[in-house]
Amino acid sequence: MPTYVRYYSGVAPAGSLIVKFYHSGNEVRGYVRKVADSNQEDAIFPGEEMEPEAAFKLAASHNGNSHNPVFVELAEGVEWDPAWGRLTYQSA
């Protein structure tokens, strides 16, 4: 079962991938962004309105051999679904 880390400001170093989930109508959708250095803007990968499984696959493919975990950000009202994997917390 895959393990992800809950995202909050300051916990993801530059180069980390964040899957953000939000409500779109009655469904949960997500997109993937890569955290940039402080002097640049984060990169957003194409494919907005992805289903959770597709967002996780995209993040895994872009994470490659990185030792950084994939972070997950949940918009207000979105709850973690245990079917997606395990969600852990990491201190800043």
PDB file of N, CA and C in Angstrom:
ATOM      1  N   MET A   1       0.855  -1.179   0.000  1.00  0.00           N
ATOM      2  CA  MET A   1       0.000   0.000   0.000  1.00  0.00           C
ATOM      3  C   MET A   1       0.901   1.242   0.000  1.00  0.00           C
ATOM      4  N   PRO A   2       0.684   2.159  -0.938  1.00  0.00           N
ATOM      5  CA  PRO A   2       1.527   3.358  -0.993  1.00  0.00           C
ATOM      6  C   PRO A   2       1.328   4.260   0.227  1.00  0.00           C
ATOM      7  N   THR A   3       2.388   4.970   0.585  1.00  0.00           N
ATOM      8  CA  THR A   3       2.344   5.911   1.697  1.00  0.00           C
ATOM      9  C   THR A   3       2.615   7.315   1.171  1.00  0.00           C
ATOM     10  N   TYR A   4       1.815   8.266   1.616  1.00  0.00           N
ATOM     11  CA  TYR A   4       1.936   9.670   1.234  1.00  0.00           C
ATOM     12  C   TYR A   4       2.067  10.497   2.502  1.00  0.00           C
ATOM     13  N   VAL A   5       2.532  11.736   2.352  1.00  0.00           N
ATOM     14  CA  VAL A   5       2.718  12.625   3.495  1.00  0.00           C
ATOM     15  C   VAL A   5       1.771  13.808   3.353  1.00  0.00           C
ATOM     16  N   ARG A   6       1.088  14.130   4.429  1.00  0.00           N
ATOM     17  CA  ARG A   6       0.147  15.260   4.439  1.00  0.00           C
ATOM     18  C   ARG A   6       0.917  16.549   4.242  1.00  0.00           C
ATOM     19  N   TYR A   7       0.496  17.357   3.284  1.00  0.00           N
ATOM     20  CA  TYR A   7       1.165  18.616   2.984  1.00  0.00           C
ATOM     21  C   TYR A   7       0.589  19.753   3.807  1.00  0.00           C
ATOM     22  N   TYR A   8       1.475  20.589   4.308  1.00  0.00           N
ATOM     23  CA  TYR A   8       1.114  21.894   4.850  1.00  0.00           C
ATOM     24  C   TYR A   8       2.315  22.792   4.613  1.00  0.00           C
ATOM     25  N   SER A   9       2.107  24.069   4.620  1.00  0.00           N
ATOM     26  CA  SER A   9       3.129  25.046   4.260  1.00  0.00           C
ATOM     27  C   SER A   9       4.433  24.814   5.018  1.00  0.00           C
ATOM     28  N   GLY A  10       5.529  24.789   4.285  1.00  0.00           N
ATOM     29  CA  GLY A  10       6.841  24.672   4.896  1.00  0.00           C
ATOM     30  C   GLY A  10       7.355  23.267   5.075  1.00  0.00           C
ATOM     31  N   VAL A  11       6.557  22.249   4.789  1.00  0.00           N
ATOM     32  CA  VAL A  11       6.997  20.880   5.041  1.00  0.00           C
ATOM     33  C   VAL A  11       7.592  20.215   3.799  1.00  0.00           C
ATOM     34  N   ALA A  12       7.303  20.706   2.600  1.00  0.00           N
ATOM     35  CA  ALA A  12       7.770  20.072   1.366  1.00  0.00           C
ATOM     36  C   ALA A  12       8.954  20.843   0.781  1.00  0.00           C
ATOM     37  N   PRO A  13      10.119  20.212   0.699  1.00  0.00           N
ATOM     38  CA  PRO A  13      11.279  20.902   0.130  1.00  0.00           C
ATOM     39  C   PRO A  13      11.137  21.090  -1.384  1.00  0.00           C
ATOM     40  N   ALA A  14      11.915  22.006  -1.949  1.00  0.00           N
ATOM     41  CA  ALA A  14      11.911  22.231  -3.397  1.00  0.00           C
ATOM     42  C   ALA A  14      12.163  20.907  -4.111  1.00  0.00           C
ATOM     43  N   GLY A  15      11.433  20.708  -5.192  1.00  0.00           N
ATOM     44  CA  GLY A  15      11.542  19.467  -5.957  1.00  0.00           C
ATOM     45  C   GLY A  15      10.496  18.434  -5.571  1.00  0.00           C
ATOM     46  N   SER A  16       9.809  18.647  -4.454  1.00  0.00           N
ATOM     47  CA  SER A  16       8.775  17.707  -4.016  1.00  0.00           C
ATOM     48  C   SER A  16       7.528  17.817  -4.886  1.00  0.00           C
ATOM     49  N   LEU A  17       6.805  16.725  -4.982  1.00  0.00           N
ATOM     50  CA  LEU A  17       5.535  16.710  -5.704  1.00  0.00           C
ATOM     51  C   LEU A  17       4.387  16.719  -4.713  1.00  0.00           C
ATOM     52  N   ILE A  18       3.378  17.522  -5.039  1.00  0.00           N
ATOM     53  CA  ILE A  18       2.187  17.620  -4.194  1.00  0.00           C
ATOM     54  C   ILE A  18       0.966  17.295  -5.050  1.00  0.00           C
ATOM     55  N   VAL A  19       0.156  16.362  -4.574  1.00  0.00           N
ATOM     56  CA  VAL A  19      -1.127  16.068  -5.208  1.00  0.00           C
ATOM     57  C   VAL A  19      -2.174  16.811  -4.397  1.00  0.00           C
ATOM     58  N   LYS A  20      -2.874  17.740  -5.024  1.00  0.00           N
ATOM     59  CA  LYS A  20      -3.914  18.489  -4.323  1.00  0.00           C
ATOM     60  C   LYS A  20      -5.275  17.987  -4.770  1.00  0.00           C
ATOM     61  N   PHE A  21      -6.102  17.630  -3.793  1.00  0.00           N
ATOM     62  CA  PHE A  21      -7.457  17.163  -4.075  1.00  0.00           C
ATOM     63  C   PHE A  21      -8.463  18.216  -3.660  1.00  0.00           C
ATOM     64  N   TYR A  22      -9.504  18.350  -4.444  1.00  0.00           N
ATOM     65  CA  TYR A  22     -10.552  19.342  -4.224  1.00  0.00           C
ATOM     66  C   TYR A  22     -11.860  18.779  -4.764  1.00  0.00           C
ATOM     67  N   HIS A  23     -12.952  19.417  -4.400  1.00  0.00           N
ATOM     68  CA  HIS A  23     -14.262  19.009  -4.902  1.00  0.00           C
ATOM     69  C   HIS A  23     -14.533  19.674  -6.236  1.00  0.00           C
ATOM     70  N   SER A  24     -15.030  18.882  -7.172  1.00  0.00           N
ATOM     71  CA  SER A  24     -15.512  19.384  -8.455  1.00  0.00           C
ATOM     72  C   SER A  24     -16.900  18.779  -8.610  1.00  0.00           C
ATOM     73  N   GLY A  25     -17.903  19.584  -8.292  1.00  0.00           N
ATOM     74  CA  GLY A  25     -19.254  19.029  -8.231  1.00  0.00           C
ATOM     75  C   GLY A  25     -19.332  18.061  -7.063  1.00  0.00           C
ATOM     76  N   ASN A  26     -19.802  16.860  -7.329  1.00  0.00           N
ATOM     77  CA  ASN A  26     -19.917  15.839  -6.279  1.00  0.00           C
ATOM     78  C   ASN A  26     -18.719  14.906  -6.232  1.00  0.00           C
ATOM     79  N   GLU A  27     -17.710  15.172  -7.046  1.00  0.00           N
ATOM     80  CA  GLU A  27     -16.570  14.268  -7.134  1.00  0.00           C
ATOM     81  C   GLU A  27     -15.303  14.934  -6.605  1.00  0.00           C
ATOM     82  N   VAL A  28     -14.345  14.087  -6.220  1.00  0.00           N
ATOM     83  CA  VAL A  28     -13.032  14.570  -5.802  1.00  0.00           C
ATOM     84  C   VAL A  28     -12.115  14.476  -7.014  1.00  0.00           C
ATOM     85  N   ARG A  29     -11.436  15.567  -7.309  1.00  0.00           N
ATOM     86  CA  ARG A  29     -10.492  15.625  -8.416  1.00  0.00           C
ATOM     87  C   ARG A  29      -9.175  16.173  -7.883  1.00  0.00           C
ATOM     88  N   GLY A  30      -8.117  15.990  -8.661  1.00  0.00           N
ATOM     89  CA  GLY A  30      -6.828  16.457  -8.210  1.00  0.00           C
ATOM     90  C   GLY A  30      -5.945  16.925  -9.336  1.00  0.00           C
ATOM     91  N   TYR A  31      -4.863  17.584  -8.943  1.00  0.00           N
ATOM     92  CA  TYR A  31      -3.805  17.949  -9.874  1.00  0.00           C
ATOM     93  C   TYR A  31      -2.478  17.807  -9.153  1.00  0.00           C
ATOM     94  N   VAL A  32      -1.394  17.800  -9.925  1.00  0.00           N
ATOM     95  CA  VAL A  32      -0.057  17.600  -9.371  1.00  0.00           C
ATOM     96  C   VAL A  32       0.768  18.860  -9.616  1.00  0.00           C
ATOM     97  N   ARG A  33       1.489  19.278  -8.582  1.00  0.00           N
ATOM     98  CA  ARG A  33       2.415  20.393  -8.761  1.00  0.00           C
ATOM     99  C   ARG A  33       3.755  20.037  -8.146  1.00  0.00           C
ATOM    100  N   LYS A  34       4.795  20.646  -8.696  1.00  0.00           N
ATOM    101  CA  LYS A  34       6.150  20.428  -8.194  1.00  0.00           C
ATOM    102  C   LYS A  34       6.598  21.694  -7.494  1.00  0.00           C
ATOM    103  N   VAL A  35       7.071  21.569  -6.258  1.00  0.00           N
ATOM    104  CA  VAL A  35       7.499  22.711  -5.458  1.00  0.00           C
ATOM    105  C   VAL A  35       8.793  23.263  -6.045  1.00  0.00           C
ATOM    106  N   ALA A  36       8.778  24.556  -6.334  1.00  0.00           N
ATOM    107  CA  ALA A  36       9.947  25.233  -6.899  1.00  0.00           C
ATOM    108  C   ALA A  36      10.783  25.861  -5.791  1.00  0.00           C
ATOM    109  N   ASP A  37      11.976  26.310  -6.172  1.00  0.00           N
ATOM    110  CA  ASP A  37      12.787  27.091  -5.238  1.00  0.00           C
ATOM    111  C   ASP A  37      12.015  28.352  -4.873  1.00  0.00           C
ATOM    112  N   SER A  38      12.380  28.991  -3.798  1.00  0.00           N
ATOM    113  CA  SER A  38      11.630  30.143  -3.294  1.00  0.00           C
ATOM    114  C   SER A  38      11.562  31.306  -4.280  1.00  0.00           C
ATOM    115  N   ASN A  39      12.478  31.388  -5.231  1.00  0.00           N
ATOM    116  CA  ASN A  39      12.460  32.501  -6.175  1.00  0.00           C
ATOM    117  C   ASN A  39      11.710  32.179  -7.476  1.00  0.00           C
ATOM    118  N   GLN A  40      11.040  31.032  -7.538  1.00  0.00           N
ATOM    119  CA  GLN A  40      10.300  30.630  -8.726  1.00  0.00           C
ATOM    120  C   GLN A  40       8.896  30.201  -8.334  1.00  0.00           C
ATOM    121  N   GLU A  41       8.020  30.062  -9.343  1.00  0.00           N
ATOM    122  CA  GLU A  41       6.671  29.576  -9.082  1.00  0.00           C
ATOM    123  C   GLU A  41       6.635  28.060  -9.246  1.00  0.00           C
ATOM    124  N   ASP A  42       5.762  27.402  -8.483  1.00  0.00           N
ATOM    125  CA  ASP A  42       5.603  25.956  -8.595  1.00  0.00           C
ATOM    126  C   ASP A  42       5.166  25.589 -10.006  1.00  0.00           C
ATOM    127  N   ALA A  43       5.591  24.429 -10.472  1.00  0.00           N
ATOM    128  CA  ALA A  43       5.187  23.923 -11.783  1.00  0.00           C
ATOM    129  C   ALA A  43       3.918  23.098 -11.619  1.00  0.00           C
ATOM    130  N   ILE A  44       2.918  23.380 -12.442  1.00  0.00           N
ATOM    131  CA  ILE A  44       1.675  22.614 -12.436  1.00  0.00           C
ATOM    132  C   ILE A  44       1.709  21.692 -13.639  1.00  0.00           C
ATOM    133  N   PHE A  45       1.477  20.401 -13.409  1.00  0.00           N
ATOM    134  CA  PHE A  45       1.479  19.447 -14.509  1.00  0.00           C
ATOM    135  C   PHE A  45       0.112  19.436 -15.185  1.00  0.00           C
ATOM    136  N   PRO A  46       0.106  19.219 -16.477  1.00  0.00           N
ATOM    137  CA  PRO A  46      -1.181  19.198 -17.198  1.00  0.00           C
ATOM    138  C   PRO A  46      -2.073  18.081 -16.686  1.00  0.00           C
ATOM    139  N   GLY A  47      -3.357  18.231 -16.899  1.00  0.00           N
ATOM    140  CA  GLY A  47      -4.281  17.183 -16.507  1.00  0.00           C
ATOM    141  C   GLY A  47      -5.161  17.563 -15.343  1.00  0.00           C
ATOM    142  N   GLU A  48      -5.498  18.839 -15.218  1.00  0.00           N
ATOM    143  CA  GLU A  48      -6.415  19.229 -14.146  1.00  0.00           C
ATOM    144  C   GLU A  48      -7.673  18.392 -14.251  1.00  0.00           C
ATOM    145  N   GLU A  49      -8.390  18.291 -13.185  1.00  0.00           N
ATOM    146  CA  GLU A  49      -9.617  17.495 -13.119  1.00  0.00           C
ATOM    147  C   GLU A  49      -9.330  16.007 -13.258  1.00  0.00           C
ATOM    148  N   MET A  50      -8.198  15.557 -12.720  1.00  0.00           N
ATOM    149  CA  MET A  50      -7.872  14.126 -12.751  1.00  0.00           C
ATOM    150  C   MET A  50      -8.553  13.409 -11.595  1.00  0.00           C
ATOM    151  N   GLU A  51      -8.906  12.155 -11.842  1.00  0.00           N
ATOM    152  CA  GLU A  51      -9.388  11.315 -10.753  1.00  0.00           C
ATOM    153  C   GLU A  51      -8.199  11.023  -9.845  1.00  0.00           C
ATOM    154  N   PRO A  52      -8.454  10.724  -8.558  1.00  0.00           N
ATOM    155  CA  PRO A  52      -7.350  10.500  -7.627  1.00  0.00           C
ATOM    156  C   PRO A  52      -6.327   9.473  -8.112  1.00  0.00           C
ATOM    157  N   GLU A  53      -6.778   8.352  -8.639  1.00  0.00           N
ATOM    158  CA  GLU A  53      -5.842   7.314  -9.086  1.00  0.00           C
ATOM    159  C   GLU A  53      -4.906   7.846 -10.174  1.00  0.00           C
ATOM    160  N   ALA A  54      -5.443   8.607 -11.116  1.00  0.00           N
ATOM    161  CA  ALA A  54      -4.621   9.173 -12.194  1.00  0.00           C
ATOM    162  C   ALA A  54      -3.634  10.191 -11.642  1.00  0.00           C
ATOM    163  N   ALA A  55      -4.051  10.990 -10.672  1.00  0.00           N
ATOM    164  CA  ALA A  55      -3.159  11.988 -10.068  1.00  0.00           C
ATOM    165  C   ALA A  55      -1.997  11.304  -9.351  1.00  0.00           C
ATOM    166  N   PHE A  56      -2.279  10.229  -8.617  1.00  0.00           N
ATOM    167  CA  PHE A  56      -1.209   9.508  -7.927  1.00  0.00           C
ATOM    168  C   PHE A  56      -0.243   8.873  -8.926  1.00  0.00           C
ATOM    169  N   LYS A  57      -0.759   8.322 -10.024  1.00  0.00           N
ATOM    170  CA  LYS A  57       0.109   7.715 -11.042  1.00  0.00           C
ATOM    171  C   LYS A  57       1.003   8.768 -11.680  1.00  0.00           C
ATOM    172  N   LEU A  58       0.448   9.941 -11.978  1.00  0.00           N
ATOM    173  CA  LEU A  58       1.237  11.017 -12.567  1.00  0.00           C
ATOM    174  C   LEU A  58       2.336  11.457 -11.601  1.00  0.00           C
ATOM    175  N   ALA A  59       1.991  11.611 -10.337  1.00  0.00           N
ATOM    176  CA  ALA A  59       2.983  12.018  -9.335  1.00  0.00           C
ATOM    177  C   ALA A  59       4.086  10.973  -9.219  1.00  0.00           C
ATOM    178  N   ALA A  60       3.721   9.712  -9.198  1.00  0.00           N
ATOM    179  CA  ALA A  60       4.724   8.644  -9.083  1.00  0.00           C
ATOM    180  C   ALA A  60       5.647   8.642 -10.290  1.00  0.00           C
ATOM    181  N   SER A  61       5.106   8.855 -11.481  1.00  0.00           N
ATOM    182  CA  SER A  61       5.949   8.836 -12.680  1.00  0.00           C
ATOM    183  C   SER A  61       6.896  10.033 -12.712  1.00  0.00           C
ATOM    184  N   HIS A  62       6.477  11.186 -12.208  1.00  0.00           N
ATOM    185  CA  HIS A  62       7.343  12.363 -12.182  1.00  0.00           C
ATOM    186  C   HIS A  62       8.300  12.360 -10.999  1.00  0.00           C
ATOM    187  N   ASN A  63       7.994  11.592  -9.970  1.00  0.00           N
ATOM    188  CA  ASN A  63       8.861  11.523  -8.790  1.00  0.00           C
ATOM    189  C   ASN A  63      10.090  10.679  -9.082  1.00  0.00           C
ATOM    190  N   GLY A  64       9.951   9.711  -9.975  1.00  0.00           N
ATOM    191  CA  GLY A  64      11.086   8.874 -10.385  1.00  0.00           C
ATOM    192  C   GLY A  64      11.815   8.268  -9.214  1.00  0.00           C
ATOM    193  N   ASN A  65      13.112   8.466  -9.192  1.00  0.00           N
ATOM    194  CA  ASN A  65      13.957   7.898  -8.134  1.00  0.00           C
ATOM    195  C   ASN A  65      14.193   8.872  -6.983  1.00  0.00           C
ATOM    196  N   SER A  66      13.389   9.926  -6.932  1.00  0.00           N
ATOM    197  CA  SER A  66      13.552  10.913  -5.870  1.00  0.00           C
ATOM    198  C   SER A  66      13.329  10.264  -4.510  1.00  0.00           C
ATOM    199  N   HIS A  67      14.082  10.745  -3.541  1.00  0.00           N
ATOM    200  CA  HIS A  67      13.904  10.244  -2.170  1.00  0.00           C
ATOM    201  C   HIS A  67      12.824  11.030  -1.437  1.00  0.00           C
ATOM    202  N   ASN A  68      12.312  12.088  -2.078  1.00  0.00           N
ATOM    203  CA  ASN A  68      11.234  12.858  -1.459  1.00  0.00           C
ATOM    204  C   ASN A  68       9.934  12.079  -1.545  1.00  0.00           C
ATOM    205  N   PRO A  69       9.141  12.112  -0.493  1.00  0.00           N
ATOM    206  CA  PRO A  69       7.827  11.469  -0.571  1.00  0.00           C
ATOM    207  C   PRO A  69       6.899  12.298  -1.461  1.00  0.00           C
ATOM    208  N   VAL A  70       5.801  11.701  -1.866  1.00  0.00           N
ATOM    209  CA  VAL A  70       4.745  12.454  -2.548  1.00  0.00           C
ATOM    210  C   VAL A  70       3.848  13.016  -1.454  1.00  0.00           C
ATOM    211  N   PHE A  71       3.611  14.319  -1.498  1.00  0.00           N
ATOM    212  CA  PHE A  71       2.787  14.994  -0.507  1.00  0.00           C
ATOM    213  C   PHE A  71       1.356  15.095  -1.013  1.00  0.00           C
ATOM    214  N   VAL A  72       0.417  15.170  -0.084  1.00  0.00           N
ATOM    215  CA  VAL A  72      -1.002  15.296  -0.425  1.00  0.00           C
ATOM    216  C   VAL A  72      -1.580  16.490   0.314  1.00  0.00           C
ATOM    217  N   GLU A  73      -2.259  17.345  -0.441  1.00  0.00           N
ATOM    218  CA  GLU A  73      -2.954  18.496   0.125  1.00  0.00           C
ATOM    219  C   GLU A  73      -4.450  18.280  -0.095  1.00  0.00           C
ATOM    220  N   LEU A  74      -5.215  18.378   0.962  1.00  0.00           N
ATOM    221  CA  LEU A  74      -6.660  18.192   0.885  1.00  0.00           C
ATOM    222  C   LEU A  74      -7.350  19.542   1.046  1.00  0.00           C
ATOM    223  N   ALA A  75      -8.097  19.954   0.025  1.00  0.00           N
ATOM    224  CA  ALA A  75      -8.848  21.204   0.113  1.00  0.00           C
ATOM    225  C   ALA A  75      -9.947  21.048   1.156  1.00  0.00           C
ATOM    226  N   GLU A  76     -10.480  22.163   1.589  1.00  0.00           N
ATOM    227  CA  GLU A  76     -11.531  22.151   2.593  1.00  0.00           C
ATOM    228  C   GLU A  76     -12.665  21.232   2.169  1.00  0.00           C
ATOM    229  N   GLY A  77     -13.075  20.357   3.079  1.00  0.00           N
ATOM    230  CA  GLY A  77     -14.191  19.459   2.834  1.00  0.00           C
ATOM    231  C   GLY A  77     -13.816  18.140   2.183  1.00  0.00           C
ATOM    232  N   VAL A  78     -12.565  17.979   1.770  1.00  0.00           N
ATOM    233  CA  VAL A  78     -12.115  16.717   1.168  1.00  0.00           C
ATOM    234  C   VAL A  78     -11.484  15.869   2.259  1.00  0.00           C
ATOM    235  N   GLU A  79     -11.946  14.636   2.359  1.00  0.00           N
ATOM    236  CA  GLU A  79     -11.403  13.717   3.359  1.00  0.00           C
ATOM    237  C   GLU A  79     -10.565  12.649   2.680  1.00  0.00           C
ATOM    238  N   TRP A  80      -9.543  12.203   3.386  1.00  0.00           N
ATOM    239  CA  TRP A  80      -8.664  11.146   2.879  1.00  0.00           C
ATOM    240  C   TRP A  80      -9.445   9.851   2.745  1.00  0.00           C
ATOM    241  N   ASP A  81      -9.263   9.176   1.618  1.00  0.00           N
ATOM    242  CA  ASP A  81      -9.883   7.874   1.379  1.00  0.00           C
ATOM    243  C   ASP A  81      -8.821   6.807   1.600  1.00  0.00           C
ATOM    244  N   PRO A  82      -8.983   5.931   2.586  1.00  0.00           N
ATOM    245  CA  PRO A  82      -7.971   4.911   2.867  1.00  0.00           C
ATOM    246  C   PRO A  82      -7.674   4.005   1.671  1.00  0.00           C
ATOM    247  N   ALA A  83      -8.560   3.935   0.694  1.00  0.00           N
ATOM    248  CA  ALA A  83      -8.318   3.130  -0.505  1.00  0.00           C
ATOM    249  C   ALA A  83      -7.165   3.713  -1.332  1.00  0.00           C
ATOM    250  N   TRP A  84      -6.829   5.005  -1.116  1.00  0.00           N
ATOM    251  CA  TRP A  84      -5.743   5.645  -1.857  1.00  0.00           C
ATOM    252  C   TRP A  84      -4.376   5.225  -1.317  1.00  0.00           C
ATOM    253  N   GLY A  85      -4.317   4.741  -0.098  1.00  0.00           N
ATOM    254  CA  GLY A  85      -3.057   4.386   0.537  1.00  0.00           C
ATOM    255  C   GLY A  85      -3.039   4.882   1.967  1.00  0.00           C
ATOM    256  N   ARG A  86      -1.841   5.079   2.492  1.00  0.00           N
ATOM    257  CA  ARG A  86      -1.662   5.511   3.875  1.00  0.00           C
ATOM    258  C   ARG A  86      -1.191   6.964   3.877  1.00  0.00           C
ATOM    259  N   LEU A  87      -1.799   7.788   4.714  1.00  0.00           N
ATOM    260  CA  LEU A  87      -1.426   9.191   4.837  1.00  0.00           C
ATOM    261  C   LEU A  87      -0.732   9.413   6.173  1.00  0.00           C
ATOM    262  N   THR A  88       0.501   9.910   6.115  1.00  0.00           N
ATOM    263  CA  THR A  88       1.281  10.152   7.329  1.00  0.00           C
ATOM    264  C   THR A  88       1.541  11.650   7.477  1.00  0.00           C
ATOM    265  N   TYR A  89       2.133  12.020   8.568  1.00  0.00           N
ATOM    266  CA  TYR A  89       2.471  13.419   8.851  1.00  0.00           C
ATOM    267  C   TYR A  89       3.957  13.538   9.067  1.00  0.00           C
ATOM    268  N   GLN A  90       4.511  14.645   8.647  1.00  0.00           N
ATOM    269  CA  GLN A  90       5.939  14.905   8.788  1.00  0.00           C
ATOM    270  C   GLN A  90       6.096  16.313   9.353  1.00  0.00           C
ATOM    271  N   SER A  91       7.007  16.451  10.288  1.00  0.00           N
ATOM    272  CA  SER A  91       7.212  17.788  10.866  1.00  0.00           C
ATOM    273  C   SER A  91       8.120  18.608   9.972  1.00  0.00           C
ATOM    274  N   ALA A  92       7.963  19.926  10.062  1.00  0.00           N
ATOM    275  CA  ALA A  92       8.767  20.835   9.224  1.00  0.00           C
ATOM    276  C   ALA A  92      10.204  20.871   9.675  1.00  0.00           C
TER     277      ALA A  92
END
